[in-house]
């Protein structure tokens, strides 16, 4: 009996070794969904500085787009946490200090991206409010997490970021259902309402507006995201939707 237990333990270890997924050393994803062919060989340069507050739970999520986005962009800084405050980013600290000292003619303009019921400015309108001389001096702040977590992160960070950054958004509609992986080639997880999107797509759309070569940057990022969604969709079994049942009252009328 003792020998059988030893043999079984050995078999289990062998099984674990053979079934363990191989991880790509470059993109750090399972080899079966490797993105190295899509991720730019050289990270894309941007004049815009991108700072993303990455919720700790997203670090363990297999569909998180921020780790991939970070490999695509050169000027992207990821902060893992639940709140932006002094001490987590030298760039944000500098912006905060300038705002506290009321320095005139601020040379760098910051915005934090989040769609909300509170008044916010669409990012293209915000960008247009500055002159051509300031067109390449932007800091874009994004919050990455579930929508519930993102709201909490924005609320917790607001006393700090509101000192120097403007809340902006992309076009959205709370009266329209959000996309799913079945209805969009760029959606990995169900979105709450129309116009909502993952962090990677949102940053891509913003860079299209903020960067001189934004169309090219957006295209490269979107293609990587499209590949991610295509991989994920290939593992989902097709769903046979149930036909809608007639109400009992209609059946009784017949």
C-alpha atoms as a PDB file:
ATOM      1  CA  UNK A   1       0.000   0.000   0.000  1.00  0.00           C
ATOM      2  CA  UNK A   2       2.875   2.321   0.833  1.00  0.00           C
ATOM      3  CA  UNK A   3       4.571   1.554  -2.506  1.00  0.00           C
ATOM      4  CA  UNK A   4       1.332   2.280  -4.390  1.00  0.00           C
ATOM      5  CA  UNK A   5       1.076   5.689  -2.733  1.00  0.00           C
ATOM      6  CA  UNK A   6       4.654   6.477  -3.707  1.00  0.00           C
ATOM      7  CA  UNK A   7       4.013   5.437  -7.295  1.00  0.00           C
ATOM      8  CA  UNK A   8       0.822   7.474  -7.477  1.00  0.00           C
ATOM      9  CA  UNK A   9       2.604  10.535  -6.149  1.00  0.00           C
ATOM     10  CA  UNK A  10       5.289  10.125  -8.790  1.00  0.00           C
ATOM     11  CA  UNK A  11       2.665   9.790 -11.523  1.00  0.00           C
ATOM     12  CA  UNK A  12       0.937  12.974 -10.353  1.00  0.00           C
ATOM     13  CA  UNK A  13       4.186  14.920 -10.460  1.00  0.00           C
ATOM     14  CA  UNK A  14       4.876  13.651 -13.962  1.00  0.00           C
ATOM     15  CA  UNK A  15       1.359  14.620 -15.010  1.00  0.00           C
ATOM     16  CA  UNK A  16       1.815  18.137 -13.592  1.00  0.00           C
ATOM     17  CA  UNK A  17       5.047  18.566 -15.523  1.00  0.00           C
ATOM     18  CA  UNK A  18       3.558  17.432 -18.823  1.00  0.00           C
ATOM     19  CA  UNK A  19       0.346  19.446 -18.524  1.00  0.00           C
ATOM     20  CA  UNK A  20       1.922  22.657 -17.217  1.00  0.00           C
ATOM     21  CA  UNK A  21       1.547  25.427 -19.764  1.00  0.00           C
ATOM     22  CA  UNK A  22       4.654  26.795 -21.435  1.00  0.00           C
ATOM     23  CA  UNK A  23       5.048  30.542 -20.948  1.00  0.00           C
ATOM     24  CA  UNK A  24       6.608  32.770 -23.589  1.00  0.00           C
ATOM     25  CA  UNK A  25       9.622  34.513 -22.059  1.00  0.00           C
ATOM     26  CA  UNK A  26       9.037  37.688 -24.108  1.00  0.00           C
ATOM     27  CA  UNK A  27       5.321  38.497 -23.869  1.00  0.00           C
ATOM     28  CA  UNK A  28       4.950  36.425 -20.665  1.00  0.00           C
ATOM     29  CA  UNK A  29       1.775  34.775 -21.905  1.00  0.00           C
ATOM     30  CA  UNK A  30       1.025  31.071 -22.447  1.00  0.00           C
ATOM     31  CA  UNK A  31       2.727  29.864 -25.625  1.00  0.00           C
ATOM     32  CA  UNK A  32      -0.632  28.918 -27.155  1.00  0.00           C
ATOM     33  CA  UNK A  33      -1.737  32.580 -27.028  1.00  0.00           C
ATOM     34  CA  UNK A  34       1.650  34.232 -27.576  1.00  0.00           C
ATOM     35  CA  UNK A  35       1.396  37.817 -28.854  1.00  0.00           C
ATOM     36  CA  UNK A  36       5.008  38.316 -29.944  1.00  0.00           C
ATOM     37  CA  UNK A  37       4.048  38.403 -33.613  1.00  0.00           C
ATOM     38  CA  UNK A  38       1.658  41.290 -32.905  1.00  0.00           C
ATOM     39  CA  UNK A  39       3.501  43.314 -30.258  1.00  0.00           C
ATOM     40  CA  UNK A  40       5.826  45.915 -31.845  1.00  0.00           C
ATOM     41  CA  UNK A  41       9.435  44.705 -31.853  1.00  0.00           C
ATOM     42  CA  UNK A  42      10.429  48.163 -30.594  1.00  0.00           C
ATOM     43  CA  UNK A  43       8.005  49.841 -28.156  1.00  0.00           C
ATOM     44  CA  UNK A  44       6.155  52.739 -29.762  1.00  0.00           C
ATOM     45  CA  UNK A  45       7.367  56.201 -28.773  1.00  0.00           C
ATOM     46  CA  UNK A  46       4.866  58.851 -27.718  1.00  0.00           C
ATOM     47  CA  UNK A  47       5.280  62.421 -26.572  1.00  0.00           C
ATOM     48  CA  UNK A  48       2.285  61.832 -24.302  1.00  0.00           C
ATOM     49  CA  UNK A  49       3.163  60.295 -20.950  1.00  0.00           C
ATOM     50  CA  UNK A  50       0.751  57.527 -20.001  1.00  0.00           C
ATOM     51  CA  UNK A  51       0.309  56.705 -16.328  1.00  0.00           C
ATOM     52  CA  UNK A  52      -1.992  53.818 -15.400  1.00  0.00           C
ATOM     53  CA  UNK A  53      -3.196  52.936 -11.910  1.00  0.00           C
ATOM     54  CA  UNK A  54      -3.460  49.151 -12.104  1.00  0.00           C
ATOM     55  CA  UNK A  55      -5.719  47.502  -9.511  1.00  0.00           C
ATOM     56  CA  UNK A  56      -3.924  44.671  -7.639  1.00  0.00           C
ATOM     57  CA  UNK A  57      -6.618  42.156  -8.598  1.00  0.00           C
ATOM     58  CA  UNK A  58      -5.898  42.776 -12.294  1.00  0.00           C
ATOM     59  CA  UNK A  59      -2.358  41.457 -11.871  1.00  0.00           C
ATOM     60  CA  UNK A  60      -3.791  37.949 -11.583  1.00  0.00           C
ATOM     61  CA  UNK A  61      -6.413  38.297 -14.305  1.00  0.00           C
ATOM     62  CA  UNK A  62      -5.572  36.395 -17.522  1.00  0.00           C
ATOM     63  CA  UNK A  63      -7.475  38.929 -19.667  1.00  0.00           C
ATOM     64  CA  UNK A  64      -5.781  42.048 -18.286  1.00  0.00           C
ATOM     65  CA  UNK A  65      -4.653  44.283 -21.157  1.00  0.00           C
ATOM     66  CA  UNK A  66      -2.348  46.665 -19.246  1.00  0.00           C
ATOM     67  CA  UNK A  67       0.674  44.289 -19.091  1.00  0.00           C
ATOM     68  CA  UNK A  68       0.446  43.919 -22.876  1.00  0.00           C
ATOM     69  CA  UNK A  69      -0.045  47.659 -23.382  1.00  0.00           C
ATOM     70  CA  UNK A  70       3.063  48.309 -21.301  1.00  0.00           C
ATOM     71  CA  UNK A  71       5.105  46.175 -23.705  1.00  0.00           C
ATOM     72  CA  UNK A  72       3.743  48.127 -26.686  1.00  0.00           C
ATOM     73  CA  UNK A  73       4.455  51.669 -25.457  1.00  0.00           C
ATOM     74  CA  UNK A  74       7.783  53.180 -24.462  1.00  0.00           C
ATOM     75  CA  UNK A  75       6.389  56.083 -22.444  1.00  0.00           C
ATOM     76  CA  UNK A  76       3.974  54.098 -20.269  1.00  0.00           C
ATOM     77  CA  UNK A  77       4.260  53.881 -16.481  1.00  0.00           C
ATOM     78  CA  UNK A  78       2.233  51.340 -14.480  1.00  0.00           C
ATOM     79  CA  UNK A  79       1.438  51.926 -10.810  1.00  0.00           C
ATOM     80  CA  UNK A  80      -0.096  48.992  -8.957  1.00  0.00           C
ATOM     81  CA  UNK A  81      -2.447  50.148  -6.246  1.00  0.00           C
ATOM     82  CA  UNK A  82      -5.886  51.491  -5.367  1.00  0.00           C
ATOM     83  CA  UNK A  83      -5.187  55.223  -5.064  1.00  0.00           C
ATOM     84  CA  UNK A  84      -3.005  57.893  -6.639  1.00  0.00           C
ATOM     85  CA  UNK A  85      -1.312  60.108  -4.063  1.00  0.00           C
ATOM     86  CA  UNK A  86       1.946  61.920  -3.446  1.00  0.00           C
ATOM     87  CA  UNK A  87       4.995  59.687  -3.626  1.00  0.00           C
ATOM     88  CA  UNK A  88       3.804  57.124  -6.201  1.00  0.00           C
ATOM     89  CA  UNK A  89       4.922  59.044  -9.313  1.00  0.00           C
ATOM     90  CA  UNK A  90       7.545  61.756  -9.748  1.00  0.00           C
ATOM     91  CA  UNK A  91       5.647  63.108 -12.769  1.00  0.00           C
ATOM     92  CA  UNK A  92       2.382  63.464 -10.852  1.00  0.00           C
ATOM     93  CA  UNK A  93       4.168  64.927  -7.821  1.00  0.00           C
ATOM     94  CA  UNK A  94       5.693  67.599 -10.054  1.00  0.00           C
ATOM     95  CA  UNK A  95       2.305  68.470 -11.554  1.00  0.00           C
ATOM     96  CA  UNK A  96       0.762  68.631  -8.086  1.00  0.00           C
ATOM     97  CA  UNK A  97       3.511  70.927  -6.767  1.00  0.00           C
ATOM     98  CA  UNK A  98       3.166  73.272  -9.764  1.00  0.00           C
ATOM     99  CA  UNK A  99      -0.586  73.488  -9.221  1.00  0.00           C
ATOM    100  CA  UNK A 100      -0.155  74.150  -5.483  1.00  0.00           C
ATOM    101  CA  UNK A 101       2.303  76.964  -6.235  1.00  0.00           C
ATOM    102  CA  UNK A 102      -0.039  78.407  -8.895  1.00  0.00           C
ATOM    103  CA  UNK A 103       2.732  78.541 -11.457  1.00  0.00           C
ATOM    104  CA  UNK A 104       1.460  80.419 -14.539  1.00  0.00           C
ATOM    105  CA  UNK A 105       1.730  79.058 -18.049  1.00  0.00           C
ATOM    106  CA  UNK A 106       1.754  75.381 -17.147  1.00  0.00           C
ATOM    107  CA  UNK A 107       3.787  73.645 -19.870  1.00  0.00           C
ATOM    108  CA  UNK A 108       2.393  70.127 -19.348  1.00  0.00           C
ATOM    109  CA  UNK A 109      -1.343  69.430 -19.397  1.00  0.00           C
ATOM    110  CA  UNK A 110      -2.774  66.417 -17.577  1.00  0.00           C
ATOM    111  CA  UNK A 111      -6.078  64.583 -17.912  1.00  0.00           C
ATOM    112  CA  UNK A 112      -7.537  61.554 -16.175  1.00  0.00           C
ATOM    113  CA  UNK A 113      -9.751  59.341 -18.266  1.00  0.00           C
ATOM    114  CA  UNK A 114     -13.016  58.047 -16.858  1.00  0.00           C
ATOM    115  CA  UNK A 115     -16.627  58.126 -18.119  1.00  0.00           C
ATOM    116  CA  UNK A 116     -18.965  59.243 -15.365  1.00  0.00           C
ATOM    117  CA  UNK A 117     -22.298  60.906 -14.756  1.00  0.00           C
ATOM    118  CA  UNK A 118     -20.469  63.962 -13.397  1.00  0.00           C
ATOM    119  CA  UNK A 119     -19.575  66.647 -15.963  1.00  0.00           C
ATOM    120  CA  UNK A 120     -16.516  65.685 -17.963  1.00  0.00           C
ATOM    121  CA  UNK A 121     -15.045  66.927 -21.216  1.00  0.00           C
ATOM    122  CA  UNK A 122     -14.551  64.779 -24.294  1.00  0.00           C
ATOM    123  CA  UNK A 123     -10.849  64.376 -24.868  1.00  0.00           C
ATOM    124  CA  UNK A 124     -10.829  65.862 -28.366  1.00  0.00           C
ATOM    125  CA  UNK A 125     -12.491  69.016 -26.989  1.00  0.00           C
ATOM    126  CA  UNK A 126      -9.964  69.153 -24.160  1.00  0.00           C
ATOM    127  CA  UNK A 127      -7.042  68.811 -26.545  1.00  0.00           C
ATOM    128  CA  UNK A 128      -8.439  71.521 -28.825  1.00  0.00           C
ATOM    129  CA  UNK A 129      -8.533  73.993 -25.934  1.00  0.00           C
ATOM    130  CA  UNK A 130      -4.738  74.313 -26.030  1.00  0.00           C
ATOM    131  CA  UNK A 131      -2.613  76.112 -28.586  1.00  0.00           C
ATOM    132  CA  UNK A 132      -0.381  74.435 -31.152  1.00  0.00           C
ATOM    133  CA  UNK A 133       2.685  75.090 -28.989  1.00  0.00           C
ATOM    134  CA  UNK A 134       1.278  72.786 -26.299  1.00  0.00           C
ATOM    135  CA  UNK A 135       0.057  70.093 -28.664  1.00  0.00           C
ATOM    136  CA  UNK A 136       2.741  67.573 -27.701  1.00  0.00           C
ATOM    137  CA  UNK A 137       2.885  68.066 -23.936  1.00  0.00           C
ATOM    138  CA  UNK A 138       0.258  65.865 -22.332  1.00  0.00           C
ATOM    139  CA  UNK A 139      -0.013  63.430 -19.439  1.00  0.00           C
ATOM    140  CA  UNK A 140      -2.807  60.861 -19.708  1.00  0.00           C
ATOM    141  CA  UNK A 141      -3.914  59.084 -16.525  1.00  0.00           C
ATOM    142  CA  UNK A 142      -6.050  55.941 -16.721  1.00  0.00           C
ATOM    143  CA  UNK A 143      -7.542  53.656 -14.076  1.00  0.00           C
ATOM    144  CA  UNK A 144      -7.456  49.925 -14.782  1.00  0.00           C
ATOM    145  CA  UNK A 145      -9.783  47.496 -13.027  1.00  0.00           C
ATOM    146  CA  UNK A 146     -13.346  46.279 -13.094  1.00  0.00           C
ATOM    147  CA  UNK A 147     -15.828  49.116 -13.424  1.00  0.00           C
ATOM    148  CA  UNK A 148     -16.634  48.854  -9.727  1.00  0.00           C
ATOM    149  CA  UNK A 149     -12.957  48.974  -8.795  1.00  0.00           C
ATOM    150  CA  UNK A 150     -12.214  51.773 -11.262  1.00  0.00           C
ATOM    151  CA  UNK A 151     -14.933  53.951  -9.723  1.00  0.00           C
ATOM    152  CA  UNK A 152     -13.471  53.346  -6.276  1.00  0.00           C
ATOM    153  CA  UNK A 153      -9.976  54.165  -7.536  1.00  0.00           C
ATOM    154  CA  UNK A 154     -11.118  57.422  -9.154  1.00  0.00           C
ATOM    155  CA  UNK A 155     -13.024  58.431  -6.022  1.00  0.00           C
ATOM    156  CA  UNK A 156     -10.026  57.695  -3.793  1.00  0.00           C
ATOM    157  CA  UNK A 157      -7.588  59.490  -6.143  1.00  0.00           C
ATOM    158  CA  UNK A 158      -9.784  62.508  -6.881  1.00  0.00           C
ATOM    159  CA  UNK A 159      -8.533  64.815  -4.078  1.00  0.00           C
ATOM    160  CA  UNK A 160      -5.008  64.406  -5.483  1.00  0.00           C
ATOM    161  CA  UNK A 161      -5.473  64.284  -9.274  1.00  0.00           C
ATOM    162  CA  UNK A 162      -8.168  66.978  -9.420  1.00  0.00           C
ATOM    163  CA  UNK A 163      -5.551  69.526  -8.310  1.00  0.00           C
ATOM    164  CA  UNK A 164      -3.741  69.314 -11.651  1.00  0.00           C
ATOM    165  CA  UNK A 165      -5.719  67.138 -14.069  1.00  0.00           C
ATOM    166  CA  UNK A 166      -8.994  67.502 -15.956  1.00  0.00           C
ATOM    167  CA  UNK A 167     -11.495  64.654 -16.117  1.00  0.00           C
ATOM    168  CA  UNK A 168     -12.005  63.629 -19.741  1.00  0.00           C
ATOM    169  CA  UNK A 169     -13.873  60.863 -21.522  1.00  0.00           C
ATOM    170  CA  UNK A 170     -14.425  59.272 -24.875  1.00  0.00           C
ATOM    171  CA  UNK A 171     -17.917  59.260 -26.354  1.00  0.00           C
ATOM    172  CA  UNK A 172     -20.273  56.930 -24.466  1.00  0.00           C
ATOM    173  CA  UNK A 173     -23.983  56.289 -23.903  1.00  0.00           C
ATOM    174  CA  UNK A 174     -25.305  54.856 -20.633  1.00  0.00           C
ATOM    175  CA  UNK A 175     -28.615  54.025 -22.322  1.00  0.00           C
ATOM    176  CA  UNK A 176     -27.004  51.509 -24.675  1.00  0.00           C
ATOM    177  CA  UNK A 177     -25.886  48.025 -23.638  1.00  0.00           C
ATOM    178  CA  UNK A 178     -22.147  47.435 -23.555  1.00  0.00           C
ATOM    179  CA  UNK A 179     -20.329  45.163 -25.980  1.00  0.00           C
ATOM    180  CA  UNK A 180     -19.352  41.544 -25.325  1.00  0.00           C
ATOM    181  CA  UNK A 181     -16.796  39.227 -26.886  1.00  0.00           C
ATOM    182  CA  UNK A 182     -19.646  37.900 -29.049  1.00  0.00           C
ATOM    183  CA  UNK A 183     -20.523  41.318 -30.488  1.00  0.00           C
ATOM    184  CA  UNK A 184     -17.149  43.059 -30.788  1.00  0.00           C
ATOM    185  CA  UNK A 185     -13.718  42.075 -32.080  1.00  0.00           C
ATOM    186  CA  UNK A 186     -12.108  44.332 -29.446  1.00  0.00           C
ATOM    187  CA  UNK A 187     -14.009  43.316 -26.293  1.00  0.00           C
ATOM    188  CA  UNK A 188     -12.592  40.754 -23.870  1.00  0.00           C
ATOM    189  CA  UNK A 189     -15.037  41.248 -20.989  1.00  0.00           C
ATOM    190  CA  UNK A 190     -18.654  42.429 -20.882  1.00  0.00           C
ATOM    191  CA  UNK A 191     -18.833  46.211 -20.780  1.00  0.00           C
ATOM    192  CA  UNK A 192     -21.530  47.984 -18.703  1.00  0.00           C
ATOM    193  CA  UNK A 193     -22.778  50.429 -21.363  1.00  0.00           C
ATOM    194  CA  UNK A 194     -22.163  51.692 -24.865  1.00  0.00           C
ATOM    195  CA  UNK A 195     -18.798  53.320 -25.501  1.00  0.00           C
ATOM    196  CA  UNK A 196     -17.053  51.572 -22.603  1.00  0.00           C
ATOM    197  CA  UNK A 197     -13.913  49.672 -23.517  1.00  0.00           C
ATOM    198  CA  UNK A 198     -10.863  48.014 -22.011  1.00  0.00           C
ATOM    199  CA  UNK A 199      -7.918  50.138 -20.895  1.00  0.00           C
ATOM    200  CA  UNK A 200      -5.792  49.206 -23.895  1.00  0.00           C
ATOM    201  CA  UNK A 201      -8.413  50.313 -26.412  1.00  0.00           C
ATOM    202  CA  UNK A 202      -9.193  53.489 -24.436  1.00  0.00           C
ATOM    203  CA  UNK A 203      -5.533  54.526 -24.391  1.00  0.00           C
ATOM    204  CA  UNK A 204      -5.245  53.755 -28.116  1.00  0.00           C
ATOM    205  CA  UNK A 205      -8.269  55.956 -28.905  1.00  0.00           C
ATOM    206  CA  UNK A 206      -6.847  58.788 -26.790  1.00  0.00           C
ATOM    207  CA  UNK A 207      -3.425  58.612 -28.408  1.00  0.00           C
ATOM    208  CA  UNK A 208      -5.082  58.892 -31.808  1.00  0.00           C
ATOM    209  CA  UNK A 209      -6.230  62.347 -30.696  1.00  0.00           C
ATOM    210  CA  UNK A 210      -3.200  63.460 -28.689  1.00  0.00           C
ATOM    211  CA  UNK A 211      -0.309  62.263 -30.865  1.00  0.00           C
ATOM    212  CA  UNK A 212       0.794  63.729 -34.233  1.00  0.00           C
ATOM    213  CA  UNK A 213       1.028  60.180 -35.626  1.00  0.00           C
ATOM    214  CA  UNK A 214      -1.895  59.008 -33.520  1.00  0.00           C
ATOM    215  CA  UNK A 215      -3.667  57.111 -36.286  1.00  0.00           C
ATOM    216  CA  UNK A 216      -0.662  54.824 -36.772  1.00  0.00           C
ATOM    217  CA  UNK A 217      -0.207  54.288 -33.016  1.00  0.00           C
ATOM    218  CA  UNK A 218      -3.883  53.499 -32.552  1.00  0.00           C
ATOM    219  CA  UNK A 219      -3.807  51.035 -35.431  1.00  0.00           C
ATOM    220  CA  UNK A 220      -0.820  49.138 -33.993  1.00  0.00           C
ATOM    221  CA  UNK A 221      -2.342  48.901 -30.512  1.00  0.00           C
ATOM    222  CA  UNK A 222      -5.763  47.897 -31.779  1.00  0.00           C
ATOM    223  CA  UNK A 223      -4.254  45.119 -33.872  1.00  0.00           C
ATOM    224  CA  UNK A 224      -2.576  43.632 -30.792  1.00  0.00           C
ATOM    225  CA  UNK A 225      -5.869  43.821 -28.889  1.00  0.00           C
ATOM    226  CA  UNK A 226      -7.722  42.271 -31.803  1.00  0.00           C
ATOM    227  CA  UNK A 227      -5.330  39.312 -31.686  1.00  0.00           C
ATOM    228  CA  UNK A 228      -5.903  38.913 -27.935  1.00  0.00           C
ATOM    229  CA  UNK A 229      -9.677  38.821 -28.444  1.00  0.00           C
ATOM    230  CA  UNK A 230      -9.361  36.389 -31.337  1.00  0.00           C
ATOM    231  CA  UNK A 231      -7.311  33.995 -29.189  1.00  0.00           C
ATOM    232  CA  UNK A 232      -9.803  34.229 -26.340  1.00  0.00           C
ATOM    233  CA  UNK A 233     -12.801  33.756 -28.620  1.00  0.00           C
ATOM    234  CA  UNK A 234     -11.281  30.575 -30.056  1.00  0.00           C
ATOM    235  CA  UNK A 235     -11.570  28.923 -26.626  1.00  0.00           C
ATOM    236  CA  UNK A 236     -15.229  29.846 -26.122  1.00  0.00           C
ATOM    237  CA  UNK A 237     -17.821  27.305 -27.128  1.00  0.00           C
ATOM    238  CA  UNK A 238     -20.604  28.713 -29.281  1.00  0.00           C
ATOM    239  CA  UNK A 239     -23.799  29.418 -27.388  1.00  0.00           C
ATOM    240  CA  UNK A 240     -27.103  28.197 -28.727  1.00  0.00           C
ATOM    241  CA  UNK A 241     -29.566  30.817 -27.646  1.00  0.00           C
ATOM    242  CA  UNK A 242     -32.914  29.599 -26.371  1.00  0.00           C
ATOM    243  CA  UNK A 243     -35.907  30.698 -28.404  1.00  0.00           C
ATOM    244  CA  UNK A 244     -37.998  33.279 -26.604  1.00  0.00           C
ATOM    245  CA  UNK A 245     -40.949  31.719 -24.840  1.00  0.00           C
ATOM    246  CA  UNK A 246     -44.387  33.152 -25.499  1.00  0.00           C
ATOM    247  CA  UNK A 247     -46.185  34.586 -22.556  1.00  0.00           C
ATOM    248  CA  UNK A 248     -48.831  32.351 -21.031  1.00  0.00           C
ATOM    249  CA  UNK A 249     -51.545  34.835 -21.808  1.00  0.00           C
ATOM    250  CA  UNK A 250     -50.767  34.658 -25.500  1.00  0.00           C
ATOM    251  CA  UNK A 251     -50.849  30.883 -25.350  1.00  0.00           C
ATOM    252  CA  UNK A 252     -54.246  31.025 -23.668  1.00  0.00           C
ATOM    253  CA  UNK A 253     -55.587  33.273 -26.436  1.00  0.00           C
ATOM    254  CA  UNK A 254     -54.669  30.623 -28.959  1.00  0.00           C
END
